[in-house]
Amino acid sequence: VFLVGAGGSSLAMVPAQFLLDRHAVTPSVTMNSDEFFFRAPASVGPNSLVIVLSGTGNTPETIRAGHWASERGAAVAAVTLKADGPLAQEIDVSFVSRSGQGSQIALQLVALAILKREGFDVSAILDAFAALPEALLSAMNEFEPRAAEIANDMKDVAVTNVLASGPLFGAA
């Protein structure tokens, strides 16, 4: 499984990659679109799944990467925000979402489909997804006063270092 994107789309792959790393037997890797194309991994072919992500659907490097993988016989699916963008129009299978968060859910569902195909019980994760919108809204509302304090305390700081690991690496 190859997760392919550039810029923000590349970092958006991190949570799905993390889920696959933790539970999948099938090897997976996240790569920058141009790196994927120019590196031309020998394992890309009829037994590969390549997911290409471009929010705008206009990223030429991502479109080219999708075409290259398709020409090699790989199953290729696009995740994008634009049904009328070149990526959705030129890749046979496209998941179109309305927001970046929707793209994240689509990527997670693809990862869960891979895990389910391997026999992993995904029911607890799907239950967690169902509870997520309410839990996130509650957490945001509860943290808002503290976030305002932090913003006020940090407003004059010249440099801010952000550290993260695991599934939050991309967001950091």
N, C-alpha and C. Protein backbone atom coordinates (compact mmCIF):
# COMPACT_ATOMS: atom_id res chain seq x y z
N VAL A 1 0.86 -1.17 0.00
CA VAL A 1 0.00 0.00 0.00
C VAL A 1 0.91 1.23 0.00
N PHE A 2 0.64 2.13 -0.92
CA PHE A 2 1.38 3.38 -1.03
C PHE A 2 0.40 4.53 -0.81
N LEU A 3 0.71 5.40 0.14
CA LEU A 3 -0.06 6.61 0.40
C LEU A 3 0.76 7.76 -0.15
N VAL A 4 0.22 8.48 -1.12
CA VAL A 4 1.01 9.43 -1.90
C VAL A 4 0.34 10.80 -1.91
N GLY A 5 1.11 11.83 -1.56
CA GLY A 5 0.61 13.19 -1.60
C GLY A 5 1.76 14.17 -1.46
N ALA A 6 1.47 15.44 -1.62
CA ALA A 6 2.49 16.49 -1.51
C ALA A 6 2.02 17.54 -0.52
N GLY A 7 2.96 18.15 0.18
CA GLY A 7 2.64 19.22 1.11
C GLY A 7 1.68 18.76 2.19
N GLY A 8 0.62 19.54 2.40
CA GLY A 8 -0.37 19.22 3.42
C GLY A 8 -1.03 17.88 3.18
N SER A 9 -1.17 17.49 1.93
CA SER A 9 -1.76 16.19 1.62
C SER A 9 -0.86 15.07 2.08
N SER A 10 0.44 15.27 2.00
CA SER A 10 1.38 14.26 2.47
C SER A 10 1.27 14.09 3.98
N LEU A 11 1.23 15.20 4.69
CA LEU A 11 1.13 15.07 6.14
C LEU A 11 -0.22 14.54 6.57
N ALA A 12 -1.25 14.72 5.75
CA ALA A 12 -2.58 14.18 6.07
C ALA A 12 -2.61 12.66 6.07
N MET A 13 -1.61 12.05 5.44
CA MET A 13 -1.55 10.59 5.38
C MET A 13 -1.06 9.97 6.68
N VAL A 14 -0.45 10.77 7.56
CA VAL A 14 0.21 10.23 8.74
C VAL A 14 -0.73 9.39 9.62
N PRO A 15 -1.95 9.84 9.93
CA PRO A 15 -2.80 9.01 10.78
C PRO A 15 -3.14 7.64 10.16
N ALA A 16 -3.42 7.60 8.86
CA ALA A 16 -3.71 6.32 8.21
C ALA A 16 -2.47 5.43 8.21
N GLN A 17 -1.30 6.04 7.96
CA GLN A 17 -0.06 5.28 7.99
C GLN A 17 0.17 4.70 9.39
N PHE A 18 -0.10 5.49 10.41
CA PHE A 18 0.07 5.04 11.79
C PHE A 18 -0.83 3.84 12.07
N LEU A 19 -2.09 3.91 11.65
CA LEU A 19 -3.03 2.81 11.86
C LEU A 19 -2.55 1.55 11.15
N LEU A 20 -2.08 1.69 9.92
CA LEU A 20 -1.57 0.53 9.16
C LEU A 20 -0.30 -0.01 9.81
N ASP A 21 0.59 0.87 10.25
CA ASP A 21 1.82 0.42 10.91
C ASP A 21 1.50 -0.39 12.16
N ARG A 22 0.51 0.04 12.91
CA ARG A 22 0.17 -0.62 14.18
C ARG A 22 -0.48 -1.99 13.98
N HIS A 23 -1.27 -2.15 12.91
CA HIS A 23 -2.11 -3.34 12.85
C HIS A 23 -2.03 -4.17 11.57
N ALA A 24 -1.54 -3.61 10.49
CA ALA A 24 -1.59 -4.31 9.20
C ALA A 24 -0.39 -5.22 9.00
N VAL A 25 -0.63 -6.33 8.33
CA VAL A 25 0.43 -7.22 7.90
C VAL A 25 0.96 -6.75 6.54
N THR A 26 0.07 -6.21 5.74
CA THR A 26 0.44 -5.69 4.42
C THR A 26 1.38 -4.51 4.59
N PRO A 27 2.52 -4.51 3.92
CA PRO A 27 3.45 -3.38 4.02
C PRO A 27 2.82 -2.11 3.44
N SER A 28 3.12 -0.99 4.08
CA SER A 28 2.62 0.30 3.59
C SER A 28 3.67 1.36 3.81
N VAL A 29 3.61 2.39 2.96
CA VAL A 29 4.56 3.49 3.06
C VAL A 29 3.87 4.77 2.58
N THR A 30 4.23 5.88 3.21
CA THR A 30 3.77 7.19 2.77
C THR A 30 4.92 7.87 2.05
N MET A 31 4.63 8.42 0.87
CA MET A 31 5.68 9.07 0.08
C MET A 31 5.16 10.37 -0.53
N ASN A 32 6.07 11.31 -0.67
CA ASN A 32 5.81 12.53 -1.42
C ASN A 32 5.54 12.15 -2.88
N SER A 33 4.64 12.85 -3.52
CA SER A 33 4.23 12.52 -4.90
C SER A 33 5.40 12.44 -5.87
N ASP A 34 6.26 13.46 -5.88
CA ASP A 34 7.40 13.45 -6.79
C ASP A 34 8.41 12.36 -6.43
N GLU A 35 8.61 12.17 -5.14
CA GLU A 35 9.54 11.12 -4.71
C GLU A 35 9.03 9.75 -5.18
N PHE A 36 7.73 9.52 -5.04
CA PHE A 36 7.13 8.27 -5.50
C PHE A 36 7.36 8.09 -7.00
N PHE A 37 7.08 9.13 -7.77
CA PHE A 37 7.22 9.04 -9.22
C PHE A 37 8.67 8.82 -9.64
N PHE A 38 9.58 9.62 -9.11
CA PHE A 38 10.97 9.53 -9.54
C PHE A 38 11.70 8.34 -8.93
N ARG A 39 11.33 7.95 -7.73
CA ARG A 39 11.93 6.76 -7.14
C ARG A 39 11.43 5.51 -7.86
N ALA A 40 10.19 5.55 -8.32
CA ALA A 40 9.59 4.46 -9.09
C ALA A 40 9.77 3.10 -8.40
N PRO A 41 9.16 2.92 -7.21
CA PRO A 41 9.35 1.67 -6.49
C PRO A 41 9.02 0.45 -7.35
N ALA A 42 9.92 -0.50 -7.36
CA ALA A 42 9.75 -1.71 -8.18
C ALA A 42 8.54 -2.52 -7.75
N SER A 43 8.10 -2.38 -6.51
CA SER A 43 6.96 -3.17 -6.02
C SER A 43 5.62 -2.62 -6.46
N VAL A 44 5.58 -1.47 -7.12
CA VAL A 44 4.31 -0.93 -7.61
C VAL A 44 3.90 -1.73 -8.85
N GLY A 45 2.74 -2.35 -8.76
CA GLY A 45 2.25 -3.16 -9.86
C GLY A 45 0.88 -3.73 -9.54
N PRO A 46 0.50 -4.83 -10.19
CA PRO A 46 -0.85 -5.38 -10.03
C PRO A 46 -1.23 -5.77 -8.60
N ASN A 47 -0.27 -5.98 -7.73
CA ASN A 47 -0.58 -6.33 -6.35
C ASN A 47 -0.50 -5.14 -5.40
N SER A 48 -0.49 -3.93 -5.95
CA SER A 48 -0.35 -2.72 -5.14
C SER A 48 -1.64 -1.92 -5.11
N LEU A 49 -1.83 -1.24 -3.99
CA LEU A 49 -2.88 -0.23 -3.86
C LEU A 49 -2.18 1.10 -3.64
N VAL A 50 -2.50 2.08 -4.47
CA VAL A 50 -1.92 3.41 -4.35
C VAL A 50 -3.05 4.40 -4.10
N ILE A 51 -2.96 5.09 -2.98
CA ILE A 51 -3.94 6.13 -2.66
C ILE A 51 -3.24 7.47 -2.87
N VAL A 52 -3.78 8.29 -3.77
CA VAL A 52 -3.22 9.61 -4.03
C VAL A 52 -4.17 10.65 -3.44
N LEU A 53 -3.60 11.63 -2.74
CA LEU A 53 -4.41 12.65 -2.09
C LEU A 53 -3.98 14.03 -2.54
N SER A 54 -4.94 14.82 -2.98
CA SER A 54 -4.73 16.24 -3.26
C SER A 54 -6.03 16.95 -2.93
N GLY A 55 -6.00 17.80 -1.90
CA GLY A 55 -7.20 18.52 -1.52
C GLY A 55 -7.77 19.31 -2.68
N THR A 56 -6.92 20.06 -3.36
CA THR A 56 -7.39 20.89 -4.47
C THR A 56 -7.72 20.05 -5.70
N GLY A 57 -7.10 18.88 -5.79
CA GLY A 57 -7.26 18.04 -6.97
C GLY A 57 -6.47 18.54 -8.16
N ASN A 58 -5.63 19.55 -7.93
CA ASN A 58 -4.87 20.17 -9.02
C ASN A 58 -3.37 19.91 -8.97
N THR A 59 -2.89 19.19 -7.97
CA THR A 59 -1.45 19.02 -7.80
C THR A 59 -0.89 18.15 -8.92
N PRO A 60 -0.11 18.75 -9.86
CA PRO A 60 0.34 17.99 -11.03
C PRO A 60 1.20 16.78 -10.66
N GLU A 61 2.02 16.92 -9.61
CA GLU A 61 2.89 15.81 -9.22
C GLU A 61 2.07 14.62 -8.73
N THR A 62 0.98 14.90 -8.04
CA THR A 62 0.13 13.83 -7.52
C THR A 62 -0.65 13.18 -8.65
N ILE A 63 -1.13 13.97 -9.58
CA ILE A 63 -1.83 13.41 -10.74
C ILE A 63 -0.88 12.52 -11.53
N ARG A 64 0.35 13.00 -11.75
CA ARG A 64 1.35 12.21 -12.49
C ARG A 64 1.67 10.92 -11.74
N ALA A 65 1.79 10.97 -10.43
CA ALA A 65 2.07 9.78 -9.64
C ALA A 65 0.94 8.76 -9.78
N GLY A 66 -0.29 9.23 -9.77
CA GLY A 66 -1.44 8.34 -9.94
C GLY A 66 -1.45 7.68 -11.30
N HIS A 67 -1.16 8.46 -12.34
CA HIS A 67 -1.09 7.90 -13.69
C HIS A 67 0.01 6.85 -13.80
N TRP A 68 1.17 7.17 -13.25
CA TRP A 68 2.31 6.25 -13.32
C TRP A 68 1.96 4.92 -12.66
N ALA A 69 1.36 4.99 -11.46
CA ALA A 69 0.99 3.76 -10.75
C ALA A 69 -0.04 2.97 -11.53
N SER A 70 -1.00 3.67 -12.12
CA SER A 70 -2.02 3.01 -12.92
C SER A 70 -1.42 2.31 -14.14
N GLU A 71 -0.48 2.98 -14.79
CA GLU A 71 0.21 2.37 -15.95
C GLU A 71 0.97 1.12 -15.57
N ARG A 72 1.41 1.04 -14.30
CA ARG A 72 2.14 -0.13 -13.81
C ARG A 72 1.18 -1.24 -13.39
N GLY A 73 -0.12 -1.00 -13.47
CA GLY A 73 -1.11 -2.02 -13.13
C GLY A 73 -1.62 -1.98 -11.71
N ALA A 74 -1.21 -0.97 -10.93
CA ALA A 74 -1.67 -0.86 -9.55
C ALA A 74 -3.12 -0.40 -9.51
N ALA A 75 -3.82 -0.79 -8.45
CA ALA A 75 -5.14 -0.22 -8.17
C ALA A 75 -4.88 1.17 -7.59
N VAL A 76 -5.48 2.19 -8.17
CA VAL A 76 -5.24 3.56 -7.75
C VAL A 76 -6.57 4.21 -7.38
N ALA A 77 -6.59 4.87 -6.23
CA ALA A 77 -7.77 5.63 -5.80
C ALA A 77 -7.32 7.01 -5.37
N ALA A 78 -8.13 8.00 -5.67
CA ALA A 78 -7.84 9.38 -5.30
C ALA A 78 -8.73 9.80 -4.14
N VAL A 79 -8.20 10.66 -3.28
CA VAL A 79 -8.97 11.33 -2.25
C VAL A 79 -8.78 12.82 -2.49
N THR A 80 -9.89 13.54 -2.62
CA THR A 80 -9.81 14.96 -2.97
C THR A 80 -11.04 15.70 -2.47
N LEU A 81 -10.98 17.01 -2.53
CA LEU A 81 -12.12 17.85 -2.16
C LEU A 81 -12.88 18.34 -3.38
N LYS A 82 -12.35 18.10 -4.56
CA LYS A 82 -12.91 18.69 -5.78
C LYS A 82 -13.34 17.61 -6.78
N ALA A 83 -14.63 17.35 -6.87
CA ALA A 83 -15.13 16.35 -7.82
C ALA A 83 -14.83 16.75 -9.26
N ASP A 84 -14.75 18.06 -9.51
CA ASP A 84 -14.50 18.52 -10.87
C ASP A 84 -13.03 18.82 -11.14
N GLY A 85 -12.15 18.52 -10.17
CA GLY A 85 -10.72 18.75 -10.36
C GLY A 85 -10.09 17.67 -11.20
N PRO A 86 -8.91 17.95 -11.75
CA PRO A 86 -8.24 16.98 -12.62
C PRO A 86 -7.98 15.62 -11.95
N LEU A 87 -7.65 15.61 -10.67
CA LEU A 87 -7.37 14.34 -10.01
C LEU A 87 -8.59 13.43 -10.01
N ALA A 88 -9.73 13.95 -9.60
CA ALA A 88 -10.97 13.15 -9.58
C ALA A 88 -11.41 12.77 -10.99
N GLN A 89 -11.13 13.64 -11.95
CA GLN A 89 -11.54 13.37 -13.32
C GLN A 89 -10.64 12.34 -14.01
N GLU A 90 -9.37 12.28 -13.62
CA GLU A 90 -8.41 11.44 -14.33
C GLU A 90 -8.10 10.12 -13.64
N ILE A 91 -8.48 9.96 -12.39
CA ILE A 91 -8.27 8.70 -11.68
C ILE A 91 -9.62 7.99 -11.61
N ASP A 92 -9.64 6.72 -11.98
CA ASP A 92 -10.91 5.99 -12.12
C ASP A 92 -11.73 5.93 -10.84
N VAL A 93 -11.09 5.75 -9.70
CA VAL A 93 -11.80 5.67 -8.42
C VAL A 93 -11.42 6.88 -7.58
N SER A 94 -12.42 7.68 -7.20
CA SER A 94 -12.15 8.88 -6.40
C SER A 94 -13.13 8.97 -5.24
N PHE A 95 -12.59 9.31 -4.09
CA PHE A 95 -13.39 9.62 -2.92
C PHE A 95 -13.35 11.12 -2.75
N VAL A 96 -14.50 11.77 -2.87
CA VAL A 96 -14.57 13.22 -2.78
C VAL A 96 -15.23 13.59 -1.46
N SER A 97 -14.54 14.39 -0.67
CA SER A 97 -15.10 14.83 0.60
C SER A 97 -15.31 16.33 0.58
N ARG A 98 -16.03 16.82 1.56
CA ARG A 98 -16.36 18.25 1.61
C ARG A 98 -15.36 19.06 2.41
N SER A 99 -14.49 18.37 3.16
CA SER A 99 -13.55 19.09 4.02
C SER A 99 -12.29 18.26 4.21
N GLY A 100 -11.25 18.90 4.72
CA GLY A 100 -10.03 18.17 5.05
C GLY A 100 -10.30 17.09 6.08
N GLN A 101 -11.20 17.36 7.02
CA GLN A 101 -11.56 16.36 8.00
C GLN A 101 -12.24 15.17 7.32
N GLY A 102 -13.04 15.45 6.32
CA GLY A 102 -13.68 14.37 5.56
C GLY A 102 -12.66 13.52 4.84
N SER A 103 -11.61 14.17 4.32
CA SER A 103 -10.53 13.42 3.68
C SER A 103 -9.84 12.51 4.68
N GLN A 104 -9.65 13.01 5.90
CA GLN A 104 -9.04 12.19 6.95
C GLN A 104 -9.89 10.95 7.22
N ILE A 105 -11.20 11.14 7.30
CA ILE A 105 -12.10 10.00 7.53
C ILE A 105 -12.00 9.03 6.37
N ALA A 106 -11.99 9.54 5.14
CA ALA A 106 -11.88 8.65 3.98
C ALA A 106 -10.60 7.83 4.03
N LEU A 107 -9.48 8.47 4.37
CA LEU A 107 -8.21 7.75 4.48
C LEU A 107 -8.26 6.69 5.58
N GLN A 108 -8.85 7.05 6.71
CA GLN A 108 -8.97 6.09 7.81
C GLN A 108 -9.85 4.90 7.40
N LEU A 109 -10.93 5.18 6.68
CA LEU A 109 -11.81 4.09 6.24
C LEU A 109 -11.10 3.17 5.26
N VAL A 110 -10.26 3.73 4.39
CA VAL A 110 -9.47 2.88 3.50
C VAL A 110 -8.53 2.00 4.32
N ALA A 111 -7.86 2.60 5.31
CA ALA A 111 -6.97 1.82 6.17
C ALA A 111 -7.74 0.73 6.90
N LEU A 112 -8.92 1.07 7.41
CA LEU A 112 -9.74 0.06 8.11
C LEU A 112 -10.20 -1.05 7.16
N ALA A 113 -10.50 -0.70 5.92
CA ALA A 113 -10.88 -1.73 4.95
C ALA A 113 -9.73 -2.70 4.71
N ILE A 114 -8.52 -2.18 4.66
CA ILE A 114 -7.33 -3.04 4.50
C ILE A 114 -7.21 -3.96 5.71
N LEU A 115 -7.35 -3.38 6.91
CA LEU A 115 -7.25 -4.18 8.13
C LEU A 115 -8.34 -5.24 8.20
N LYS A 116 -9.56 -4.86 7.85
CA LYS A 116 -10.68 -5.82 7.87
C LYS A 116 -10.42 -6.96 6.90
N ARG A 117 -9.89 -6.63 5.73
CA ARG A 117 -9.57 -7.66 4.73
C ARG A 117 -8.55 -8.66 5.27
N GLU A 118 -7.68 -8.17 6.17
CA GLU A 118 -6.66 -9.04 6.78
C GLU A 118 -7.20 -9.80 7.99
N GLY A 119 -8.47 -9.57 8.36
CA GLY A 119 -9.06 -10.28 9.47
C GLY A 119 -9.03 -9.54 10.79
N PHE A 120 -8.57 -8.30 10.80
CA PHE A 120 -8.53 -7.50 12.02
C PHE A 120 -9.94 -7.01 12.34
N ASP A 121 -10.35 -7.11 13.60
CA ASP A 121 -11.67 -6.65 14.03
C ASP A 121 -11.64 -5.13 14.17
N VAL A 122 -12.33 -4.44 13.28
CA VAL A 122 -12.31 -2.97 13.25
C VAL A 122 -13.51 -2.36 13.95
N SER A 123 -14.37 -3.17 14.55
CA SER A 123 -15.62 -2.67 15.12
C SER A 123 -15.39 -1.63 16.21
N ALA A 124 -14.42 -1.82 17.08
CA ALA A 124 -14.16 -0.84 18.16
C ALA A 124 -13.72 0.50 17.57
N ILE A 125 -12.92 0.47 16.52
CA ILE A 125 -12.46 1.71 15.90
C ILE A 125 -13.64 2.42 15.22
N LEU A 126 -14.51 1.66 14.57
CA LEU A 126 -15.69 2.27 13.94
C LEU A 126 -16.62 2.87 14.99
N ASP A 127 -16.76 2.19 16.13
CA ASP A 127 -17.56 2.76 17.23
C ASP A 127 -16.95 4.06 17.72
N ALA A 128 -15.63 4.10 17.82
CA ALA A 128 -14.94 5.32 18.25
C ALA A 128 -15.17 6.45 17.24
N PHE A 129 -15.15 6.13 15.96
CA PHE A 129 -15.43 7.14 14.93
C PHE A 129 -16.82 7.73 15.11
N ALA A 130 -17.79 6.88 15.44
CA ALA A 130 -19.17 7.36 15.61
C ALA A 130 -19.26 8.34 16.78
N ALA A 131 -18.46 8.12 17.82
CA ALA A 131 -18.50 8.99 19.00
C ALA A 131 -17.61 10.22 18.84
N LEU A 132 -16.78 10.24 17.84
CA LEU A 132 -15.77 11.29 17.69
C LEU A 132 -16.32 12.71 17.54
N PRO A 133 -17.31 12.97 16.70
CA PRO A 133 -17.75 14.38 16.55
C PRO A 133 -18.18 15.02 17.87
N GLU A 134 -18.98 14.33 18.64
CA GLU A 134 -19.43 14.88 19.92
C GLU A 134 -18.26 15.04 20.90
N ALA A 135 -17.37 14.06 20.94
CA ALA A 135 -16.22 14.12 21.85
C ALA A 135 -15.29 15.28 21.48
N LEU A 136 -15.04 15.48 20.18
CA LEU A 136 -14.17 16.57 19.75
C LEU A 136 -14.76 17.94 20.09
N LEU A 137 -16.05 18.10 19.83
CA LEU A 137 -16.70 19.38 20.13
C LEU A 137 -16.65 19.66 21.64
N SER A 138 -16.91 18.65 22.44
CA SER A 138 -16.84 18.80 23.88
C SER A 138 -15.43 19.18 24.34
N ALA A 139 -14.43 18.48 23.82
CA ALA A 139 -13.04 18.77 24.20
C ALA A 139 -12.64 20.18 23.80
N MET A 140 -13.04 20.60 22.60
CA MET A 140 -12.71 21.96 22.14
C MET A 140 -13.36 23.01 23.05
N ASN A 141 -14.63 22.82 23.37
CA ASN A 141 -15.33 23.78 24.22
C ASN A 141 -14.73 23.84 25.62
N GLU A 142 -14.36 22.70 26.16
CA GLU A 142 -13.76 22.66 27.50
C GLU A 142 -12.37 23.32 27.51
N PHE A 143 -11.62 23.18 26.42
CA PHE A 143 -10.25 23.70 26.39
C PHE A 143 -10.17 25.16 25.96
N GLU A 144 -11.23 25.70 25.41
CA GLU A 144 -11.19 27.07 24.86
C GLU A 144 -10.69 28.12 25.86
N PRO A 145 -11.14 28.13 27.11
CA PRO A 145 -10.59 29.14 28.05
C PRO A 145 -9.08 28.98 28.25
N ARG A 146 -8.60 27.76 28.37
CA ARG A 146 -7.16 27.53 28.55
C ARG A 146 -6.40 27.91 27.28
N ALA A 147 -6.98 27.62 26.11
CA ALA A 147 -6.34 27.99 24.85
C ALA A 147 -6.18 29.50 24.75
N ALA A 148 -7.18 30.24 25.19
CA ALA A 148 -7.11 31.71 25.18
C ALA A 148 -5.98 32.20 26.10
N GLU A 149 -5.83 31.55 27.27
CA GLU A 149 -4.73 31.92 28.18
C GLU A 149 -3.37 31.65 27.53
N ILE A 150 -3.23 30.50 26.91
CA ILE A 150 -1.97 30.14 26.26
C ILE A 150 -1.66 31.13 25.14
N ALA A 151 -2.66 31.44 24.32
CA ALA A 151 -2.45 32.39 23.23
C ALA A 151 -2.01 33.75 23.76
N ASN A 152 -2.63 34.20 24.83
CA ASN A 152 -2.25 35.48 25.41
C ASN A 152 -0.82 35.43 25.96
N ASP A 153 -0.46 34.33 26.64
CA ASP A 153 0.89 34.18 27.19
C ASP A 153 1.95 34.09 26.10
N MET A 154 1.60 33.55 24.95
CA MET A 154 2.58 33.28 23.89
C MET A 154 2.61 34.35 22.80
N LYS A 155 1.73 35.32 22.85
CA LYS A 155 1.59 36.26 21.73
C LYS A 155 2.86 37.04 21.40
N ASP A 156 3.74 37.23 22.36
CA ASP A 156 4.96 38.00 22.12
C ASP A 156 6.21 37.13 22.00
N VAL A 157 6.06 35.83 22.01
CA VAL A 157 7.19 34.92 21.92
C VAL A 157 7.65 34.86 20.46
N ALA A 158 8.95 35.08 20.25
CA ALA A 158 9.47 35.16 18.87
C ALA A 158 9.47 33.81 18.16
N VAL A 159 9.77 32.74 18.88
CA VAL A 159 9.88 31.42 18.26
C VAL A 159 9.10 30.42 19.10
N THR A 160 8.31 29.59 18.43
CA THR A 160 7.60 28.53 19.12
C THR A 160 8.01 27.21 18.50
N ASN A 161 8.47 26.29 19.32
CA ASN A 161 8.81 24.95 18.85
C ASN A 161 7.64 24.02 19.12
N VAL A 162 7.31 23.23 18.14
CA VAL A 162 6.22 22.27 18.27
C VAL A 162 6.81 20.88 18.12
N LEU A 163 6.56 20.02 19.10
CA LEU A 163 7.06 18.65 19.08
C LEU A 163 5.89 17.69 19.07
N ALA A 164 6.00 16.63 18.30
CA ALA A 164 4.95 15.61 18.30
C ALA A 164 5.52 14.32 17.74
N SER A 165 4.79 13.26 17.98
CA SER A 165 5.15 11.97 17.42
C SER A 165 3.89 11.17 17.18
N GLY A 166 4.06 9.97 16.66
CA GLY A 166 2.92 9.09 16.42
C GLY A 166 1.93 9.72 15.47
N PRO A 167 0.62 9.54 15.73
CA PRO A 167 -0.38 10.00 14.77
C PRO A 167 -0.50 11.52 14.70
N LEU A 168 0.12 12.26 15.63
CA LEU A 168 0.05 13.72 15.60
C LEU A 168 1.23 14.36 14.89
N PHE A 169 2.17 13.53 14.40
CA PHE A 169 3.34 14.03 13.72
C PHE A 169 2.99 14.97 12.57
N GLY A 170 2.06 14.55 11.74
CA GLY A 170 1.67 15.36 10.58
C GLY A 170 1.10 16.70 10.96
N ALA A 171 0.25 16.73 11.96
CA ALA A 171 -0.34 17.98 12.40
C ALA A 171 0.70 18.94 12.96
N ALA A 172 1.69 18.39 13.66
CA ALA A 172 2.74 19.24 14.22
C ALA A 172 3.56 19.83 13.09
